[in-house]
Amino acid sequence: MRPMVLLIVSTIFLLPGRVAAQSHEAHRHSGAHEDSAFRAMQSRGQAVMGVDQYTSIHDFVSLPDGGRIELQRDREDSAGTAAIRAHLRTIAKAFADGDFGAPFAVHQDSVPGVPAMRARRSAIGYAVTDLPRGAELRIRTADPAALDAVHRFLAYQRREHRTEPSPHAH
């Protein structure tokens, strides 16, 4: 009888913390921990970006004139915020120079849109704006081929980072 009481009491005290710890995971990366390829990509992302991918929020948004990559910490973290801002400034310069080594390092695969973005780099502008817990990389172009490439690049990032809206989201 005592072991059962101990189990019930420990479950009652431990459950709220466990639920709270899972809430971010469930809403941003549902099912992600069961997928070893996703975990490996998240680990490579942390090495490349300098912040924990499970406690950071990525958004990859296609827009009529290009798109935006938003990366923010999910909590107050001045060191993580500074790392994100530095990373996105480095990425903006690298992309403008036609260097897409970081996305390759994270995904360990060729990324759709990159060849055209590299070839048409003079037609694409990159600008970084600080956000409260990170930064946004805004990508702009008026060139139709570059725009298509940017949209393919961002769609791939949304799929790989699992930031696509849930089909059940409202």
N, C-alpha and C. Protein backbone atom coordinates (compact mmCIF):
# COMPACT_ATOMS: atom_id res chain seq x y z
N MET A 1 0.81 -1.19 0.00
CA MET A 1 0.00 0.00 0.00
C MET A 1 0.86 1.27 0.00
N ARG A 2 1.93 1.28 0.79
CA ARG A 2 2.79 2.46 0.86
C ARG A 2 3.43 2.81 -0.50
N PRO A 3 3.95 1.83 -1.26
CA PRO A 3 4.54 2.19 -2.56
C PRO A 3 3.51 2.85 -3.48
N MET A 4 2.27 2.41 -3.44
CA MET A 4 1.24 3.00 -4.29
C MET A 4 0.97 4.44 -3.87
N VAL A 5 0.91 4.73 -2.58
CA VAL A 5 0.69 6.09 -2.09
C VAL A 5 1.86 6.97 -2.51
N LEU A 6 3.07 6.47 -2.36
CA LEU A 6 4.25 7.22 -2.76
C LEU A 6 4.22 7.54 -4.25
N LEU A 7 3.84 6.59 -5.07
CA LEU A 7 3.73 6.79 -6.51
C LEU A 7 2.70 7.86 -6.84
N ILE A 8 1.55 7.81 -6.20
CA ILE A 8 0.49 8.79 -6.47
C ILE A 8 0.93 10.18 -6.04
N VAL A 9 1.50 10.30 -4.86
CA VAL A 9 1.94 11.60 -4.36
C VAL A 9 3.04 12.18 -5.24
N SER A 10 4.02 11.36 -5.62
CA SER A 10 5.11 11.87 -6.47
C SER A 10 4.58 12.26 -7.84
N THR A 11 3.62 11.54 -8.35
CA THR A 11 3.02 11.88 -9.65
C THR A 11 2.32 13.22 -9.58
N ILE A 12 1.58 13.46 -8.49
CA ILE A 12 0.86 14.73 -8.34
C ILE A 12 1.83 15.89 -8.30
N PHE A 13 2.96 15.75 -7.59
CA PHE A 13 3.91 16.85 -7.47
C PHE A 13 4.77 17.04 -8.72
N LEU A 14 5.06 15.99 -9.43
CA LEU A 14 5.94 16.08 -10.59
C LEU A 14 5.20 16.42 -11.88
N LEU A 15 3.94 16.08 -11.98
CA LEU A 15 3.19 16.26 -13.23
C LEU A 15 3.12 17.71 -13.69
N PRO A 16 2.80 18.70 -12.84
CA PRO A 16 2.71 20.08 -13.35
C PRO A 16 4.01 20.56 -13.98
N GLY A 17 5.15 20.25 -13.40
CA GLY A 17 6.43 20.66 -14.00
C GLY A 17 6.67 19.98 -15.33
N ARG A 18 6.30 18.73 -15.42
CA ARG A 18 6.47 17.97 -16.67
C ARG A 18 5.58 18.56 -17.77
N VAL A 19 4.35 18.89 -17.43
CA VAL A 19 3.43 19.48 -18.41
C VAL A 19 3.96 20.82 -18.87
N ALA A 20 4.42 21.66 -17.93
CA ALA A 20 4.95 22.97 -18.31
C ALA A 20 6.18 22.83 -19.20
N ALA A 21 7.04 21.87 -18.91
CA ALA A 21 8.25 21.67 -19.71
C ALA A 21 7.91 21.23 -21.12
N GLN A 22 6.81 20.53 -21.28
CA GLN A 22 6.44 20.04 -22.61
C GLN A 22 5.67 21.07 -23.43
N SER A 23 5.11 22.09 -22.78
CA SER A 23 4.21 22.98 -23.51
C SER A 23 4.88 23.65 -24.71
N HIS A 24 6.11 24.14 -24.56
CA HIS A 24 6.80 24.77 -25.68
C HIS A 24 7.07 23.74 -26.78
N GLU A 25 7.52 22.57 -26.37
CA GLU A 25 7.80 21.51 -27.34
C GLU A 25 6.55 21.16 -28.12
N ALA A 26 5.45 21.00 -27.44
CA ALA A 26 4.22 20.57 -28.09
C ALA A 26 3.74 21.60 -29.08
N HIS A 27 3.87 22.86 -28.75
CA HIS A 27 3.32 23.86 -29.65
C HIS A 27 4.25 24.22 -30.80
N ARG A 28 5.55 24.10 -30.63
CA ARG A 28 6.48 24.47 -31.71
C ARG A 28 7.05 23.26 -32.45
N HIS A 29 7.20 22.14 -31.81
CA HIS A 29 7.88 21.00 -32.43
C HIS A 29 7.17 19.70 -32.10
N SER A 30 5.91 19.60 -32.38
CA SER A 30 5.17 18.40 -31.99
C SER A 30 5.77 17.16 -32.64
N GLY A 31 6.05 16.17 -31.80
CA GLY A 31 6.61 14.91 -32.26
C GLY A 31 8.08 14.97 -32.61
N ALA A 32 8.70 16.10 -32.44
CA ALA A 32 10.07 16.28 -32.90
C ALA A 32 11.08 15.43 -32.13
N HIS A 33 10.86 15.24 -30.84
CA HIS A 33 11.86 14.52 -30.05
C HIS A 33 11.95 13.05 -30.43
N GLU A 34 10.92 12.51 -31.03
CA GLU A 34 10.95 11.10 -31.42
C GLU A 34 11.72 10.89 -32.72
N ASP A 35 12.08 11.94 -33.40
CA ASP A 35 12.68 11.88 -34.73
C ASP A 35 14.18 12.18 -34.62
N SER A 36 15.01 11.15 -34.79
CA SER A 36 16.45 11.34 -34.62
C SER A 36 17.05 12.26 -35.68
N ALA A 37 16.53 12.26 -36.89
CA ALA A 37 17.04 13.17 -37.94
C ALA A 37 16.75 14.62 -37.55
N PHE A 38 15.58 14.88 -37.00
CA PHE A 38 15.23 16.23 -36.57
C PHE A 38 16.13 16.66 -35.41
N ARG A 39 16.33 15.75 -34.45
CA ARG A 39 17.21 16.06 -33.32
C ARG A 39 18.62 16.38 -33.80
N ALA A 40 19.11 15.63 -34.77
CA ALA A 40 20.46 15.88 -35.31
C ALA A 40 20.51 17.25 -35.98
N MET A 41 19.47 17.60 -36.75
CA MET A 41 19.43 18.92 -37.39
C MET A 41 19.39 20.01 -36.33
N GLN A 42 18.61 19.83 -35.28
CA GLN A 42 18.54 20.82 -34.21
C GLN A 42 19.91 21.00 -33.55
N SER A 43 20.62 19.92 -33.37
CA SER A 43 21.95 19.98 -32.78
C SER A 43 22.92 20.74 -33.68
N ARG A 44 22.87 20.44 -34.98
CA ARG A 44 23.73 21.18 -35.93
C ARG A 44 23.33 22.65 -35.95
N GLY A 45 22.03 22.93 -35.87
CA GLY A 45 21.56 24.31 -35.84
C GLY A 45 22.09 25.06 -34.63
N GLN A 46 22.12 24.39 -33.49
CA GLN A 46 22.66 25.02 -32.29
C GLN A 46 24.14 25.34 -32.48
N ALA A 47 24.88 24.43 -33.10
CA ALA A 47 26.31 24.66 -33.34
C ALA A 47 26.52 25.84 -34.30
N VAL A 48 25.70 25.93 -35.34
CA VAL A 48 25.85 26.99 -36.34
C VAL A 48 25.35 28.33 -35.81
N MET A 49 24.21 28.32 -35.11
CA MET A 49 23.56 29.57 -34.68
C MET A 49 23.96 30.04 -33.30
N GLY A 50 24.45 29.12 -32.48
CA GLY A 50 24.89 29.51 -31.15
C GLY A 50 23.79 29.56 -30.10
N VAL A 51 22.59 29.05 -30.42
CA VAL A 51 21.51 29.02 -29.43
C VAL A 51 20.78 27.70 -29.50
N ASP A 52 20.20 27.31 -28.37
CA ASP A 52 19.42 26.08 -28.29
C ASP A 52 18.20 26.20 -29.19
N GLN A 53 18.07 25.30 -30.13
CA GLN A 53 16.98 25.34 -31.08
C GLN A 53 15.64 24.99 -30.45
N TYR A 54 15.64 24.23 -29.38
CA TYR A 54 14.39 23.84 -28.73
C TYR A 54 13.82 24.96 -27.86
N THR A 55 14.63 25.95 -27.53
CA THR A 55 14.14 27.09 -26.75
C THR A 55 14.22 28.38 -27.55
N SER A 56 14.21 28.23 -28.86
CA SER A 56 14.18 29.36 -29.79
C SER A 56 13.03 29.13 -30.76
N ILE A 57 12.51 30.21 -31.26
CA ILE A 57 11.37 30.13 -32.17
C ILE A 57 11.79 30.67 -33.53
N HIS A 58 11.66 29.82 -34.54
CA HIS A 58 11.94 30.20 -35.92
C HIS A 58 10.63 30.49 -36.64
N ASP A 59 10.64 31.48 -37.49
CA ASP A 59 9.53 31.69 -38.43
C ASP A 59 10.15 32.02 -39.78
N PHE A 60 9.63 31.39 -40.81
CA PHE A 60 10.09 31.60 -42.19
C PHE A 60 8.87 32.01 -42.98
N VAL A 61 8.76 33.27 -43.33
CA VAL A 61 7.55 33.81 -43.92
C VAL A 61 7.83 34.28 -45.34
N SER A 62 7.05 33.76 -46.29
CA SER A 62 7.13 34.23 -47.68
C SER A 62 6.25 35.47 -47.81
N LEU A 63 6.78 36.49 -48.47
CA LEU A 63 6.06 37.75 -48.67
C LEU A 63 6.07 38.10 -50.16
N PRO A 64 5.19 38.98 -50.60
CA PRO A 64 5.11 39.31 -52.03
C PRO A 64 6.42 39.82 -52.62
N ASP A 65 7.28 40.44 -51.80
CA ASP A 65 8.56 40.96 -52.31
C ASP A 65 9.76 40.17 -51.79
N GLY A 66 9.52 38.98 -51.26
CA GLY A 66 10.62 38.15 -50.73
C GLY A 66 10.17 37.36 -49.53
N GLY A 67 10.68 37.74 -48.37
CA GLY A 67 10.27 37.04 -47.17
C GLY A 67 11.06 37.49 -45.97
N ARG A 68 10.87 36.75 -44.87
CA ARG A 68 11.60 37.08 -43.66
C ARG A 68 11.89 35.81 -42.88
N ILE A 69 13.04 35.83 -42.22
CA ILE A 69 13.43 34.78 -41.29
C ILE A 69 13.48 35.44 -39.92
N GLU A 70 12.66 34.96 -39.02
CA GLU A 70 12.63 35.50 -37.67
C GLU A 70 13.14 34.43 -36.72
N LEU A 71 14.05 34.80 -35.85
CA LEU A 71 14.57 33.89 -34.84
C LEU A 71 14.60 34.63 -33.52
N GLN A 72 13.90 34.07 -32.52
CA GLN A 72 13.85 34.68 -31.20
C GLN A 72 13.94 33.60 -30.12
N ARG A 73 14.44 33.98 -28.99
CA ARG A 73 14.43 33.13 -27.81
C ARG A 73 13.00 33.06 -27.31
N ASP A 74 12.63 31.98 -26.66
CA ASP A 74 11.27 31.86 -26.13
C ASP A 74 11.16 32.37 -24.70
N ARG A 75 12.24 32.92 -24.19
CA ARG A 75 12.27 33.49 -22.83
C ARG A 75 13.35 34.56 -22.80
N GLU A 76 13.37 35.34 -21.73
CA GLU A 76 14.42 36.35 -21.58
C GLU A 76 15.77 35.65 -21.49
N ASP A 77 16.69 36.07 -22.33
CA ASP A 77 18.02 35.46 -22.38
C ASP A 77 18.92 36.42 -23.15
N SER A 78 19.59 37.31 -22.44
CA SER A 78 20.38 38.35 -23.12
C SER A 78 21.52 37.75 -23.95
N ALA A 79 22.17 36.71 -23.45
CA ALA A 79 23.27 36.09 -24.21
C ALA A 79 22.72 35.41 -25.47
N GLY A 80 21.62 34.70 -25.34
CA GLY A 80 21.00 34.05 -26.50
C GLY A 80 20.50 35.05 -27.52
N THR A 81 19.91 36.14 -27.04
CA THR A 81 19.43 37.20 -27.92
C THR A 81 20.60 37.81 -28.69
N ALA A 82 21.68 38.08 -28.01
CA ALA A 82 22.87 38.64 -28.67
C ALA A 82 23.43 37.66 -29.70
N ALA A 83 23.44 36.37 -29.38
CA ALA A 83 23.94 35.35 -30.32
C ALA A 83 23.07 35.30 -31.57
N ILE A 84 21.76 35.38 -31.40
CA ILE A 84 20.85 35.38 -32.55
C ILE A 84 21.10 36.60 -33.43
N ARG A 85 21.20 37.75 -32.82
CA ARG A 85 21.41 38.99 -33.60
C ARG A 85 22.72 38.93 -34.37
N ALA A 86 23.77 38.46 -33.73
CA ALA A 86 25.07 38.33 -34.40
C ALA A 86 24.97 37.31 -35.54
N HIS A 87 24.31 36.20 -35.27
CA HIS A 87 24.16 35.16 -36.30
C HIS A 87 23.42 35.70 -37.52
N LEU A 88 22.30 36.37 -37.32
CA LEU A 88 21.53 36.86 -38.47
C LEU A 88 22.28 37.95 -39.24
N ARG A 89 23.07 38.75 -38.57
CA ARG A 89 23.90 39.74 -39.28
C ARG A 89 24.98 39.03 -40.12
N THR A 90 25.56 37.98 -39.56
CA THR A 90 26.54 37.19 -40.30
C THR A 90 25.89 36.52 -41.51
N ILE A 91 24.69 35.97 -41.31
CA ILE A 91 23.96 35.31 -42.40
C ILE A 91 23.60 36.31 -43.49
N ALA A 92 23.15 37.50 -43.12
CA ALA A 92 22.79 38.52 -44.12
C ALA A 92 23.98 38.84 -45.02
N LYS A 93 25.14 39.02 -44.42
CA LYS A 93 26.34 39.31 -45.22
C LYS A 93 26.73 38.11 -46.07
N ALA A 94 26.71 36.92 -45.48
CA ALA A 94 27.08 35.72 -46.24
C ALA A 94 26.14 35.51 -47.42
N PHE A 95 24.82 35.61 -47.20
CA PHE A 95 23.86 35.43 -48.29
C PHE A 95 24.08 36.47 -49.38
N ALA A 96 24.31 37.72 -48.98
CA ALA A 96 24.55 38.79 -49.96
C ALA A 96 25.79 38.48 -50.80
N ASP A 97 26.77 37.80 -50.20
CA ASP A 97 27.99 37.40 -50.91
C ASP A 97 27.84 36.09 -51.67
N GLY A 98 26.65 35.48 -51.59
CA GLY A 98 26.41 34.21 -52.28
C GLY A 98 26.88 32.99 -51.49
N ASP A 99 27.15 33.17 -50.20
CA ASP A 99 27.63 32.07 -49.35
C ASP A 99 26.45 31.50 -48.55
N PHE A 100 26.05 30.30 -48.89
CA PHE A 100 24.95 29.62 -48.21
C PHE A 100 25.45 28.39 -47.47
N GLY A 101 26.66 28.49 -46.95
CA GLY A 101 27.26 27.38 -46.22
C GLY A 101 26.53 27.05 -44.93
N ALA A 102 25.98 28.06 -44.25
CA ALA A 102 25.29 27.81 -42.97
C ALA A 102 24.05 26.93 -43.16
N PRO A 103 23.16 27.23 -44.11
CA PRO A 103 22.01 26.34 -44.29
C PRO A 103 22.44 24.92 -44.67
N PHE A 104 23.49 24.80 -45.46
CA PHE A 104 23.98 23.46 -45.80
C PHE A 104 24.50 22.74 -44.55
N ALA A 105 25.23 23.48 -43.70
CA ALA A 105 25.77 22.88 -42.48
C ALA A 105 24.66 22.41 -41.55
N VAL A 106 23.58 23.17 -41.47
CA VAL A 106 22.47 22.80 -40.60
C VAL A 106 21.71 21.60 -41.17
N HIS A 107 21.42 21.64 -42.47
CA HIS A 107 20.56 20.62 -43.07
C HIS A 107 21.33 19.44 -43.66
N GLN A 108 22.62 19.62 -43.88
CA GLN A 108 23.46 18.58 -44.49
C GLN A 108 22.85 18.08 -45.79
N ASP A 109 22.31 19.01 -46.55
CA ASP A 109 21.65 18.69 -47.80
C ASP A 109 21.60 19.98 -48.62
N SER A 110 21.46 19.83 -49.93
CA SER A 110 21.29 21.03 -50.75
C SER A 110 19.92 21.61 -50.43
N VAL A 111 19.85 22.92 -50.37
CA VAL A 111 18.63 23.61 -49.99
C VAL A 111 18.00 24.22 -51.25
N PRO A 112 16.73 23.89 -51.51
CA PRO A 112 16.06 24.44 -52.70
C PRO A 112 16.13 25.96 -52.72
N GLY A 113 16.31 26.50 -53.91
CA GLY A 113 16.38 27.94 -54.10
C GLY A 113 17.77 28.51 -54.02
N VAL A 114 18.69 27.84 -53.35
CA VAL A 114 20.03 28.38 -53.14
C VAL A 114 20.79 28.65 -54.45
N PRO A 115 20.80 27.73 -55.42
CA PRO A 115 21.55 28.05 -56.65
C PRO A 115 21.08 29.35 -57.32
N ALA A 116 19.78 29.55 -57.39
CA ALA A 116 19.26 30.78 -58.01
C ALA A 116 19.51 32.00 -57.13
N MET A 117 19.39 31.84 -55.80
CA MET A 117 19.68 32.96 -54.90
C MET A 117 21.15 33.37 -55.01
N ARG A 118 22.02 32.39 -55.18
CA ARG A 118 23.45 32.69 -55.34
C ARG A 118 23.68 33.39 -56.68
N ALA A 119 23.09 32.84 -57.75
CA ALA A 119 23.30 33.40 -59.09
C ALA A 119 22.70 34.80 -59.23
N ARG A 120 21.62 35.08 -58.54
CA ARG A 120 20.92 36.35 -58.67
C ARG A 120 21.11 37.23 -57.43
N ARG A 121 22.21 37.02 -56.73
CA ARG A 121 22.43 37.72 -55.46
C ARG A 121 22.41 39.24 -55.60
N SER A 122 22.80 39.76 -56.75
CA SER A 122 22.79 41.22 -56.91
C SER A 122 21.36 41.77 -56.97
N ALA A 123 20.39 40.93 -57.19
CA ALA A 123 18.98 41.35 -57.26
C ALA A 123 18.24 41.14 -55.94
N ILE A 124 18.95 40.69 -54.91
CA ILE A 124 18.31 40.39 -53.63
C ILE A 124 18.95 41.25 -52.54
N GLY A 125 18.11 41.86 -51.71
CA GLY A 125 18.61 42.65 -50.59
C GLY A 125 18.32 41.94 -49.27
N TYR A 126 19.23 42.08 -48.33
CA TYR A 126 19.10 41.47 -47.01
C TYR A 126 19.28 42.55 -45.95
N ALA A 127 18.35 42.63 -45.00
CA ALA A 127 18.44 43.61 -43.92
C ALA A 127 18.01 42.96 -42.61
N VAL A 128 18.77 43.23 -41.56
CA VAL A 128 18.48 42.67 -40.24
C VAL A 128 17.89 43.76 -39.35
N THR A 129 16.84 43.39 -38.64
CA THR A 129 16.21 44.27 -37.66
C THR A 129 16.14 43.52 -36.34
N ASP A 130 16.56 44.19 -35.27
CA ASP A 130 16.47 43.57 -33.95
C ASP A 130 15.02 43.44 -33.52
N LEU A 131 14.72 42.35 -32.85
CA LEU A 131 13.43 42.10 -32.22
C LEU A 131 13.67 41.96 -30.72
N PRO A 132 12.63 41.98 -29.90
CA PRO A 132 12.85 41.95 -28.44
C PRO A 132 13.73 40.81 -27.94
N ARG A 133 13.60 39.61 -28.52
CA ARG A 133 14.39 38.47 -28.04
C ARG A 133 15.21 37.84 -29.16
N GLY A 134 15.51 38.61 -30.19
CA GLY A 134 16.29 38.08 -31.30
C GLY A 134 16.37 39.08 -32.43
N ALA A 135 16.11 38.58 -33.65
CA ALA A 135 16.19 39.45 -34.81
C ALA A 135 15.42 38.85 -35.97
N GLU A 136 15.26 39.68 -37.00
CA GLU A 136 14.58 39.29 -38.22
C GLU A 136 15.49 39.62 -39.40
N LEU A 137 15.62 38.68 -40.31
CA LEU A 137 16.35 38.90 -41.56
C LEU A 137 15.30 39.08 -42.64
N ARG A 138 15.20 40.28 -43.18
CA ARG A 138 14.23 40.58 -44.22
C ARG A 138 14.93 40.40 -45.57
N ILE A 139 14.30 39.68 -46.46
CA ILE A 139 14.84 39.39 -47.79
C ILE A 139 13.90 40.05 -48.80
N ARG A 140 14.46 40.89 -49.68
CA ARG A 140 13.62 41.61 -50.66
C ARG A 140 14.22 41.48 -52.06
N THR A 141 13.31 41.34 -53.03
CA THR A 141 13.72 41.32 -54.43
C THR A 141 12.53 41.69 -55.32
N ALA A 142 12.83 42.29 -56.45
CA ALA A 142 11.81 42.57 -57.47
C ALA A 142 12.00 41.64 -58.67
N ASP A 143 13.03 40.82 -58.63
CA ASP A 143 13.36 39.90 -59.71
C ASP A 143 12.50 38.62 -59.58
N PRO A 144 11.69 38.30 -60.59
CA PRO A 144 10.80 37.13 -60.48
C PRO A 144 11.52 35.80 -60.22
N ALA A 145 12.64 35.57 -60.87
CA ALA A 145 13.37 34.31 -60.65
C ALA A 145 13.96 34.26 -59.25
N ALA A 146 14.48 35.38 -58.77
CA ALA A 146 15.02 35.43 -57.41
C ALA A 146 13.89 35.27 -56.40
N LEU A 147 12.74 35.88 -56.66
CA LEU A 147 11.59 35.77 -55.76
C LEU A 147 11.14 34.32 -55.63
N ASP A 148 11.06 33.62 -56.75
CA ASP A 148 10.69 32.20 -56.73
C ASP A 148 11.71 31.40 -55.91
N ALA A 149 12.97 31.70 -56.08
CA ALA A 149 14.03 31.00 -55.33
C ALA A 149 13.92 31.27 -53.83
N VAL A 150 13.67 32.52 -53.47
CA VAL A 150 13.53 32.88 -52.05
C VAL A 150 12.34 32.13 -51.45
N HIS A 151 11.24 32.08 -52.19
CA HIS A 151 10.05 31.38 -51.69
C HIS A 151 10.30 29.88 -51.53
N ARG A 152 11.04 29.27 -52.47
CA ARG A 152 11.37 27.84 -52.35
C ARG A 152 12.29 27.60 -51.14
N PHE A 153 13.25 28.49 -50.96
CA PHE A 153 14.18 28.42 -49.82
C PHE A 153 13.40 28.48 -48.50
N LEU A 154 12.50 29.45 -48.38
CA LEU A 154 11.73 29.61 -47.15
C LEU A 154 10.76 28.45 -46.91
N ALA A 155 10.14 27.94 -47.97
CA ALA A 155 9.23 26.79 -47.83
C ALA A 155 10.00 25.57 -47.30
N TYR A 156 11.18 25.36 -47.83
CA TYR A 156 12.02 24.25 -47.35
C TYR A 156 12.36 24.43 -45.87
N GLN A 157 12.74 25.65 -45.49
CA GLN A 157 13.07 25.92 -44.10
C GLN A 157 11.86 25.67 -43.19
N ARG A 158 10.68 26.11 -43.61
CA ARG A 158 9.47 25.87 -42.81
C ARG A 158 9.25 24.38 -42.59
N ARG A 159 9.39 23.60 -43.66
CA ARG A 159 9.19 22.15 -43.54
C ARG A 159 10.24 21.52 -42.62
N GLU A 160 11.50 21.82 -42.87
CA GLU A 160 12.58 21.20 -42.12
C GLU A 160 12.57 21.58 -40.64
N HIS A 161 12.28 22.83 -40.36
CA HIS A 161 12.26 23.29 -38.97
C HIS A 161 10.90 23.07 -38.31
N ARG A 162 9.99 22.52 -39.09
CA ARG A 162 8.64 22.18 -38.59
C ARG A 162 7.92 23.38 -38.02
N THR A 163 7.97 24.48 -38.77
CA THR A 163 7.27 25.69 -38.35
C THR A 163 6.00 25.89 -39.17
N GLU A 164 5.67 24.92 -40.02
CA GLU A 164 4.42 25.00 -40.79
C GLU A 164 3.27 25.03 -39.80
N PRO A 165 2.25 25.84 -40.06
CA PRO A 165 1.09 25.81 -39.17
C PRO A 165 0.45 24.43 -39.17
N SER A 166 -0.02 24.02 -38.02
CA SER A 166 -0.70 22.73 -37.91
C SER A 166 -1.99 22.78 -38.72
N PRO A 167 -2.35 21.67 -39.40
CA PRO A 167 -3.61 21.68 -40.15
C PRO A 167 -4.81 21.85 -39.22
N HIS A 168 -4.59 21.65 -37.92
CA HIS A 168 -5.69 21.79 -36.96
C HIS A 168 -5.68 23.15 -36.29
N ALA A 169 -4.71 24.01 -36.64
CA ALA A 169 -4.64 25.34 -36.01
C ALA A 169 -5.73 26.23 -36.59
N HIS A 170 -6.20 27.15 -35.79
CA HIS A 170 -7.26 28.07 -36.24
C HIS A 170 -6.73 29.47 -36.28
